[in-house]
Structures are given as C-alpha cells and as structure tokens.
Amino acid sequence: MSKIVLGLSGGVDSAVAARLLQRAGHEVLGLYLDIGDGAARADAVSAAEFLNVELKILDVSEALEREVCAPFTAAYLRGETPNPCIMCNPAVKFKSLLDFADESGAELTATGHYARAEGGALYKGRPANDQSYMLCRLTREQASRLVLPLGELEKTETRALAEEFKLPVAHKGDSMEICFIPDRDYAGYIARRATLPGPGDFVFHGEVIGRHEGVHRWTVGQRIPGLYNERKLYVSRIVPERGEIELALWEELFKTRVRVRDMSWLIDPPAGLLRGSVRARHTKWECPDCTVTPLPDGGAEIVTDEPLRAPAPGQAAAVYQGDRLVGGGYIVSSQP
C-alpha cells in the first residue's frame, strides 16, 4: 500500500482519518502545521503517539502571515469578505503537505476534510457536513495526490469511530473559529495590525440614514440593527474609499450575474461556456445552476438560473458539475 502524509491537526477528524488509513494498510506520516497554539500542538503529539504515527512539526507562521493573515487584513480594509481557510489551503496547508510528501517519498497526501477524492478529482461530501467548497482553490496537482478518508462519512459517524478507536481526542470539541483569531474578534485583530478606517455613513437608496464605526466591521449581506420604516435593512455594498455602506431590503440582495477573478480550474480550462452550479459561501443549501463564461484575464462571469443571496466581493465562488468540484475564483462584483 501507499505511504501517505496526513495533516494531523490534533482534532478528531484528522485522528480518525489516520486510523482509517492505517486500517487500509497505508503507512501514515503526520504533519502538524504549527502557528504557536501550544494546546493544539500537544493534542497532535498525543494523537500521533497513540496512533504510532511519526509526526513532523512544521512552523508555518511566516507562510501563514504572508499568504493569509496580511491579505486577510488588507481585504477587510478594502470592504471585502475573505475566507482565510480557502486562502490557506493551496498556499500553505496543501503546499506544506506536498512538500513533505516529496521529501519523504510519499505518493499521496490526506486531510480530515469532508469531501470525496476519486481518481484525481474532488467531489461533494455528504450534505450534512460537505466541505468541498473549502477546497475550490486547490491546484490540480494538489487534488490529484489527495486522499480524503472521511469523504463518505458524516460528523456523527466520525465521532462514533473516534470512540470505537478509543482516540485520546475523541471528546475534543469542534473548532469553529479562525485559527489565528481564536476569540472571533475580527475588528480587534485588524486593529492590532493596521490603521483602521474611521466612521462613515449608512446610505439607503441614496439617502444617509445613520452612521457606522468603520467599514471593516461589516460584510455584504449582514443585517444592521433596528428597523427603518418598519423594514429590516442589510449591507448590499461597501465603498471604502468614501467610508460608505450602502443598504438594501432583503429582496434587493439577490443577484444573478457574478464576476470572479483568478479562476483556479481542477479540469482543463473550458474554451467556451460551461454549465454547472455555483456556491458563493460555505452553505449547505444554496448552489443554483449556472452558466460560466471564462474571460481572457483569467476570471469568469457566472450567470445563475436562480438568484444568489448577497454574493460578497472577496468571497470564493466554487463551481461544480454535478457533485464534481471543477474550480473556484474570488468574487469581484455582482449584478441583479
């Protein structure tokens, strides 16, 4: 069987993935990507010792800062809504896994993501916890050498296996926060790294109706507090150069034309129109059919059959054909 480098995070998912790979006869090498979280590192070491997996601890703080943290901060100050995991996966996490695989003579890499990897292609996992969206920016080489042992499982089944395997992390809670912002205070994190924009105006249909404390505190689709003429209002557009946040009614948030940049294709880049479906945020239910038109600048225009709710600049748009993930780019703009 194969030698496989597994991203061992210290959580339940990667530990179960390791045991499943071992049961299938693979030799598993663990790689822990260290960003200074002592508790997570200790959990990874404990899991590796229990599983009898050789573990390499790699400090990726510098790469994470360069490829994720700094661009994440800059994007928020531009009024965008970046997804740091999607930024990190191709540039830091999977790059590190492949580099270690090449160093150690391993053919394949693996993670605890809930998606399917078959024949070098990536597919949606089970609907309850599908994470294929997070992999939409991987390169074709990264995808071609990837094994996803949890692809056919739901989280409840993974938890049950962790109990069965008597893993030391079996009862560890799920991580719901960004790894480099464990307290979820985005504004505070950005404030410690950059000069913050000042207050500005809330604008609804061309009329100033209030003030906000800074564009970095808001994202497209977010509801603002209170009511205006007995209606709820939502952020529809952020204009950082003027410090303005444009507001809209719920029904005005929906768009059918989305422009994306930097498409990363997991298939041969299409020469013409491509029919598929698109997911513009990590959600279980919103994935309308669409037509994708590749553009000469490496981006694409996506026209959906049914409107998308509040596609936000900076978010990733993942494109599928059936259950197969075929690529992803970053949203630049949208229109009704």
Protein backbone atom coordinates (compact mmCIF):
# COMPACT_ATOMS: atom_id res chain seq x y z
CA MET A 1 0.00 0.00 0.00
CA SER A 2 0.99 3.67 -0.22
CA LYS A 3 2.94 5.95 2.05
CA ILE A 4 0.69 8.91 2.84
CA VAL A 5 1.39 12.26 4.53
CA LEU A 6 -1.58 13.26 6.66
CA GLY A 7 -2.27 16.71 8.05
CA LEU A 8 -2.60 15.83 11.74
CA SER A 9 -4.16 18.83 13.47
CA GLY A 10 -4.81 17.46 16.93
CA GLY A 11 -8.56 17.26 16.27
CA VAL A 12 -10.98 14.36 15.98
CA ASP A 13 -11.28 14.39 12.18
CA SER A 14 -7.61 14.02 11.33
CA ALA A 15 -7.06 11.40 14.06
CA VAL A 16 -9.89 9.23 12.72
CA ALA A 17 -8.58 9.74 9.19
CA ALA A 18 -5.18 8.45 10.33
CA ARG A 19 -6.63 5.30 11.84
CA LEU A 20 -8.76 4.61 8.76
CA LEU A 21 -5.70 4.94 6.53
CA GLN A 22 -3.74 2.57 8.76
CA ARG A 23 -6.59 0.04 8.71
CA ALA A 24 -6.47 0.19 4.91
CA GLY A 25 -2.83 -0.81 5.08
CA HIS A 26 -1.16 2.54 4.39
CA GLU A 27 1.95 3.85 6.08
CA VAL A 28 0.96 7.19 7.60
CA LEU A 29 3.30 10.09 8.29
CA GLY A 30 1.85 13.00 10.23
CA LEU A 31 2.47 16.69 9.61
CA TYR A 32 1.40 19.27 12.18
CA LEU A 33 1.35 22.87 10.96
CA ASP A 34 2.43 24.90 13.95
CA ILE A 35 1.32 28.53 14.38
CA GLY A 36 2.04 28.74 18.10
CA ASP A 37 -1.03 27.10 19.65
CA GLY A 38 0.52 25.01 22.41
CA ALA A 39 -2.66 23.14 23.33
CA ALA A 40 -3.37 22.06 19.74
CA ARG A 41 0.25 21.02 19.27
CA ALA A 42 0.09 18.89 22.43
CA ASP A 43 -3.11 17.23 21.18
CA ALA A 44 -1.44 16.44 17.85
CA VAL A 45 1.59 14.93 19.60
CA SER A 46 -0.68 12.87 21.86
CA ALA A 47 -2.73 11.59 18.92
CA ALA A 48 0.41 10.72 16.95
CA GLU A 49 1.87 8.78 19.87
CA PHE A 50 -1.39 6.88 20.39
CA LEU A 51 -1.63 6.07 16.67
CA ASN A 52 2.07 5.22 16.39
CA VAL A 53 2.44 7.81 13.63
CA GLU A 54 5.73 9.57 13.03
CA LEU A 55 4.96 13.28 13.39
CA LYS A 56 6.77 16.24 11.90
CA ILE A 57 6.04 19.64 13.44
CA LEU A 58 6.47 22.44 10.91
CA ASP A 59 6.40 26.11 11.87
CA VAL A 60 4.28 27.79 9.19
CA SER A 61 3.82 31.12 10.98
CA GLU A 62 5.81 33.06 8.39
CA ALA A 63 3.98 31.49 5.44
CA LEU A 64 0.61 32.00 7.11
CA GLU A 65 1.39 35.66 7.72
CA ARG A 66 2.48 36.22 4.12
CA GLU A 67 -0.18 34.17 2.32
CA VAL A 68 -3.19 34.54 4.63
CA CYS A 69 -3.03 36.97 7.55
CA ALA A 70 -1.73 40.02 5.68
CA PRO A 71 -4.04 39.50 2.65
CA PHE A 72 -6.97 38.82 5.01
CA THR A 73 -6.40 42.14 6.80
CA ALA A 74 -5.97 44.07 3.55
CA ALA A 75 -9.14 42.54 2.11
CA TYR A 76 -11.28 43.59 5.07
CA LEU A 77 -9.96 47.13 4.80
CA ARG A 78 -10.99 47.08 1.12
CA GLY A 79 -14.53 46.20 2.17
CA GLU A 80 -14.21 42.57 1.10
CA THR A 81 -15.19 39.35 2.86
CA PRO A 82 -12.23 36.95 2.60
CA ASN A 83 -12.36 33.29 3.63
CA PRO A 84 -8.99 32.55 5.25
CA CYS A 85 -9.30 28.75 5.00
CA ILE A 86 -9.76 28.94 1.23
CA MET A 87 -6.74 31.25 1.03
CA CYS A 88 -4.65 28.98 3.25
CA ASN A 89 -5.40 25.61 1.69
CA PRO A 90 -3.49 25.88 -1.62
CA ALA A 91 -0.81 28.33 -0.46
CA VAL A 92 0.10 26.95 2.97
CA LYS A 93 -1.63 23.77 4.11
CA PHE A 94 -1.61 21.62 0.98
CA LYS A 95 1.67 23.08 -0.25
CA SER A 96 3.30 22.03 3.02
CA LEU A 97 1.76 18.55 2.79
CA LEU A 98 3.05 18.04 -0.75
CA ASP A 99 6.49 19.40 0.08
CA PHE A 100 6.79 16.95 2.99
CA ALA A 101 5.43 14.12 0.84
CA ASP A 102 8.12 14.79 -1.76
CA GLU A 103 10.81 14.93 0.92
CA SER A 104 9.71 11.65 2.48
CA GLY A 105 8.98 9.71 -0.70
CA ALA A 106 5.23 9.59 -0.12
CA GLU A 107 2.95 9.33 -3.14
CA LEU A 108 -0.14 10.86 -1.55
CA THR A 109 -1.39 13.35 1.00
CA ALA A 110 -4.51 13.27 3.16
CA THR A 111 -6.62 15.50 5.41
CA GLY A 112 -9.75 15.18 7.51
CA HIS A 113 -11.93 17.25 5.16
CA TYR A 114 -15.47 16.07 4.49
CA ALA A 115 -15.32 15.76 0.73
CA ARG A 116 -14.51 12.97 -1.71
CA ALA A 117 -11.34 12.48 -3.73
CA GLU A 118 -11.63 9.95 -6.53
CA GLY A 119 -9.32 9.43 -9.48
CA GLY A 120 -7.64 12.80 -9.04
CA ALA A 121 -10.97 14.65 -8.93
CA LEU A 122 -12.78 16.22 -5.99
CA TYR A 123 -16.48 15.78 -5.21
CA LYS A 124 -19.00 16.93 -2.64
CA GLY A 125 -19.18 15.02 0.62
CA ARG A 126 -22.35 14.08 2.48
CA PRO A 127 -24.77 17.04 2.55
CA ALA A 128 -24.81 17.40 6.35
CA ASN A 129 -21.15 18.47 6.51
CA ASP A 130 -19.80 18.82 2.98
CA GLN A 131 -16.53 20.82 2.95
CA SER A 132 -15.72 20.64 -0.76
CA TYR A 133 -16.26 24.41 -1.03
CA MET A 134 -13.15 24.95 1.10
CA LEU A 135 -11.05 23.06 -1.47
CA CYS A 136 -12.13 25.04 -4.53
CA ARG A 137 -8.79 26.85 -4.92
CA LEU A 138 -6.53 23.77 -4.82
CA THR A 139 -4.25 23.18 -7.76
CA ARG A 140 -4.75 20.17 -9.99
CA GLU A 141 -1.56 18.57 -8.65
CA GLN A 142 -2.70 19.05 -5.06
CA ALA A 143 -6.07 17.46 -5.88
CA SER A 144 -4.53 14.61 -7.87
CA ARG A 145 -2.43 13.46 -4.90
CA LEU A 146 -5.12 13.84 -2.26
CA VAL A 147 -6.91 11.14 -0.25
CA LEU A 148 -9.92 12.06 1.89
CA PRO A 149 -10.73 9.18 4.25
CA LEU A 150 -13.82 10.88 5.73
CA GLY A 151 -15.46 11.58 2.37
CA GLU A 152 -18.29 9.09 2.82
CA LEU A 153 -18.90 9.91 6.50
CA GLU A 154 -20.98 12.37 8.47
CA LYS A 155 -19.55 14.00 11.56
CA THR A 156 -21.66 11.85 13.88
CA GLU A 157 -20.16 8.75 12.30
CA THR A 158 -16.65 10.14 12.72
CA ARG A 159 -17.35 10.79 16.40
CA ALA A 160 -18.58 7.21 16.80
CA LEU A 161 -15.41 5.89 15.16
CA ALA A 162 -13.27 8.03 17.46
CA GLU A 163 -14.99 6.35 20.43
CA GLU A 164 -14.55 2.93 18.88
CA PHE A 165 -10.85 3.59 18.26
CA LYS A 166 -10.50 4.98 21.82
CA LEU A 167 -8.69 8.03 20.49
CA PRO A 168 -7.43 10.48 23.14
CA VAL A 169 -9.11 13.35 21.26
CA ALA A 170 -12.46 11.55 20.92
CA HIS A 171 -14.28 14.11 23.08
CA LYS A 172 -12.49 17.21 21.84
CA GLY A 173 -14.89 19.89 20.60
CA ASP A 174 -15.07 21.06 17.01
CA SER A 175 -13.06 24.14 16.07
CA MET A 176 -15.44 26.85 14.84
CA GLU A 177 -13.12 29.84 14.78
CA ILE A 178 -10.34 31.04 12.51
CA CYS A 179 -7.12 29.52 13.80
CA PHE A 180 -5.31 32.87 14.03
CA ILE A 181 -8.33 34.71 15.54
CA PRO A 182 -9.42 32.28 18.29
CA ASP A 183 -11.57 34.90 20.06
CA ARG A 184 -13.51 35.67 16.82
CA ASP A 185 -12.88 39.40 17.29
CA TYR A 186 -12.11 40.31 13.67
CA ALA A 187 -12.19 44.06 14.32
CA GLY A 188 -9.82 43.75 17.25
CA TYR A 189 -7.43 41.58 15.23
CA ILE A 190 -7.38 44.08 12.36
CA ALA A 191 -6.96 46.99 14.79
CA ARG A 192 -3.77 45.41 16.15
CA ARG A 193 -2.33 45.15 12.64
CA ALA A 194 -3.41 48.22 10.69
CA THR A 195 -4.70 51.76 10.85
CA LEU A 196 -8.44 51.45 10.95
CA PRO A 197 -10.82 53.40 8.73
CA GLY A 198 -12.91 55.94 10.58
CA PRO A 199 -16.69 56.17 10.95
CA GLY A 200 -18.85 56.69 7.89
CA ASP A 201 -22.39 56.84 6.60
CA PHE A 202 -25.08 54.24 6.16
CA VAL A 203 -26.79 55.06 2.86
CA PHE A 204 -30.17 53.65 1.81
CA HIS A 205 -31.43 54.38 -1.70
CA GLY A 206 -29.18 57.43 -1.91
CA GLU A 207 -30.18 58.86 1.50
CA VAL A 208 -27.89 58.98 4.55
CA ILE A 209 -29.83 57.32 7.36
CA GLY A 210 -27.15 56.76 10.01
CA ARG A 211 -23.52 56.30 10.94
CA HIS A 212 -21.27 53.27 11.35
CA GLU A 213 -17.95 52.79 13.19
CA GLY A 214 -15.91 51.56 10.23
CA VAL A 215 -16.31 49.52 7.05
CA HIS A 216 -14.10 46.75 8.45
CA ARG A 217 -16.89 45.83 10.88
CA TRP A 218 -19.38 44.90 8.17
CA THR A 219 -19.86 42.38 5.37
CA VAL A 220 -22.24 42.23 2.44
CA GLY A 221 -25.47 40.51 3.45
CA GLN A 222 -25.18 41.43 7.12
CA ARG A 223 -28.27 42.92 8.76
CA ILE A 224 -27.90 46.25 10.55
CA PRO A 225 -29.60 46.70 13.94
CA GLY A 226 -33.10 48.05 14.25
CA LEU A 227 -35.72 48.85 11.62
CA TYR A 228 -36.09 51.60 9.03
CA ASN A 229 -39.69 52.47 8.21
CA GLU A 230 -40.56 49.15 9.85
CA ARG A 231 -38.30 47.19 7.45
CA LYS A 232 -35.07 45.32 8.08
CA LEU A 233 -32.06 46.60 6.15
CA TYR A 234 -28.94 44.74 5.03
CA VAL A 235 -25.48 45.66 3.75
CA SER A 236 -25.55 45.49 -0.04
CA ARG A 237 -22.28 47.24 -0.93
CA ILE A 238 -19.24 48.61 0.88
CA VAL A 239 -17.47 51.65 -0.58
CA PRO A 240 -14.26 52.01 1.47
CA GLU A 241 -12.88 54.98 -0.45
CA ARG A 242 -15.88 57.04 0.72
CA GLY A 243 -16.40 55.22 4.01
CA GLU A 244 -19.95 54.43 2.93
CA ILE A 245 -22.02 51.32 3.50
CA GLU A 246 -24.93 51.01 1.11
CA LEU A 247 -28.02 49.28 2.45
CA ALA A 248 -30.84 47.37 0.79
CA LEU A 249 -34.02 45.49 1.53
CA TRP A 250 -33.81 41.70 1.75
CA GLU A 251 -35.26 41.17 -1.71
CA GLU A 252 -32.66 43.55 -3.19
CA LEU A 253 -29.73 41.38 -2.05
CA PHE A 254 -30.27 38.70 -4.69
CA LYS A 255 -28.05 38.70 -7.79
CA THR A 256 -27.84 36.62 -10.96
CA ARG A 257 -24.58 37.89 -12.53
CA VAL A 258 -21.32 37.43 -10.66
CA ARG A 259 -17.84 38.39 -11.86
CA VAL A 260 -14.89 36.47 -10.40
CA ARG A 261 -11.12 36.80 -10.73
CA ASP A 262 -8.26 34.30 -10.69
CA MET A 263 -10.19 31.14 -11.55
CA SER A 264 -8.34 28.03 -10.42
CA TRP A 265 -9.53 25.12 -12.57
CA LEU A 266 -9.47 21.47 -11.50
CA ILE A 267 -10.29 20.47 -15.07
CA ASP A 268 -8.89 21.59 -18.40
CA PRO A 269 -9.91 25.27 -18.56
CA PRO A 270 -13.04 25.42 -20.72
CA ALA A 271 -12.69 27.14 -24.07
CA GLY A 272 -16.31 28.27 -24.06
CA LEU A 273 -19.45 28.26 -21.95
CA LEU A 274 -19.65 25.74 -19.13
CA ARG A 275 -22.89 24.62 -17.49
CA GLY A 276 -22.76 23.75 -13.83
CA SER A 277 -23.74 25.11 -10.44
CA VAL A 278 -22.13 27.62 -8.11
CA ARG A 279 -21.71 28.02 -4.36
CA ALA A 280 -20.76 31.50 -3.19
CA ARG A 281 -20.42 30.79 0.52
CA HIS A 282 -19.96 27.80 2.82
CA THR A 283 -23.62 26.82 2.96
CA LYS A 284 -25.44 23.51 2.68
CA TRP A 285 -28.36 24.64 0.56
CA GLU A 286 -27.51 27.47 -1.83
CA CYS A 287 -25.98 26.10 -5.04
CA PRO A 288 -28.01 27.24 -8.08
CA ASP A 289 -27.41 26.05 -11.62
CA CYS A 290 -25.39 28.48 -13.69
CA THR A 291 -23.52 29.22 -16.90
CA VAL A 292 -19.82 30.08 -16.57
CA THR A 293 -18.06 32.14 -19.24
CA PRO A 294 -14.24 32.14 -18.92
CA LEU A 295 -12.69 35.57 -19.51
CA PRO A 296 -9.35 36.43 -21.16
CA ASP A 297 -7.98 37.89 -17.92
CA GLY A 298 -8.24 34.53 -16.12
CA GLY A 299 -11.52 35.35 -14.41
CA ALA A 300 -15.05 34.35 -15.32
CA GLU A 301 -18.59 35.63 -15.49
CA ILE A 302 -21.18 33.45 -13.78
CA VAL A 303 -24.88 33.81 -14.63
CA THR A 304 -27.17 31.87 -12.31
CA ASP A 305 -30.55 30.35 -13.17
CA GLU A 306 -31.86 31.34 -9.74
CA PRO A 307 -30.58 34.41 -7.84
CA LEU A 308 -27.75 34.12 -5.31
CA ARG A 309 -28.18 35.77 -1.92
CA ALA A 310 -25.71 38.61 -1.36
CA PRO A 311 -22.59 37.38 -3.16
CA ALA A 312 -19.83 39.36 -1.47
CA PRO A 313 -16.59 40.66 -3.01
CA GLY A 314 -13.66 38.67 -1.65
CA GLN A 315 -15.67 35.51 -1.08
CA ALA A 316 -14.89 32.46 -3.17
CA ALA A 317 -17.28 31.14 -5.80
CA ALA A 318 -16.93 27.38 -6.22
CA VAL A 319 -18.13 25.84 -9.48
CA TYR A 320 -19.47 22.28 -9.73
CA GLN A 321 -20.64 19.94 -12.46
CA GLY A 322 -22.97 17.57 -10.70
CA ASP A 323 -21.15 16.66 -7.48
CA ARG A 324 -17.72 17.27 -9.00
CA LEU A 325 -15.82 20.38 -7.95
CA VAL A 326 -14.29 21.87 -11.10
CA GLY A 327 -12.84 25.20 -9.92
CA GLY A 328 -13.14 28.38 -7.96
CA GLY A 329 -12.39 32.09 -8.11
CA TYR A 330 -12.78 35.19 -5.98
CA ILE A 331 -15.88 37.35 -6.35
CA VAL A 332 -15.22 40.85 -7.65
CA SER A 333 -18.73 42.21 -8.25
CA SER A 334 -22.35 41.18 -8.82
CA GLN A 335 -25.46 42.49 -10.55
CA PRO A 336 -29.19 41.68 -10.40
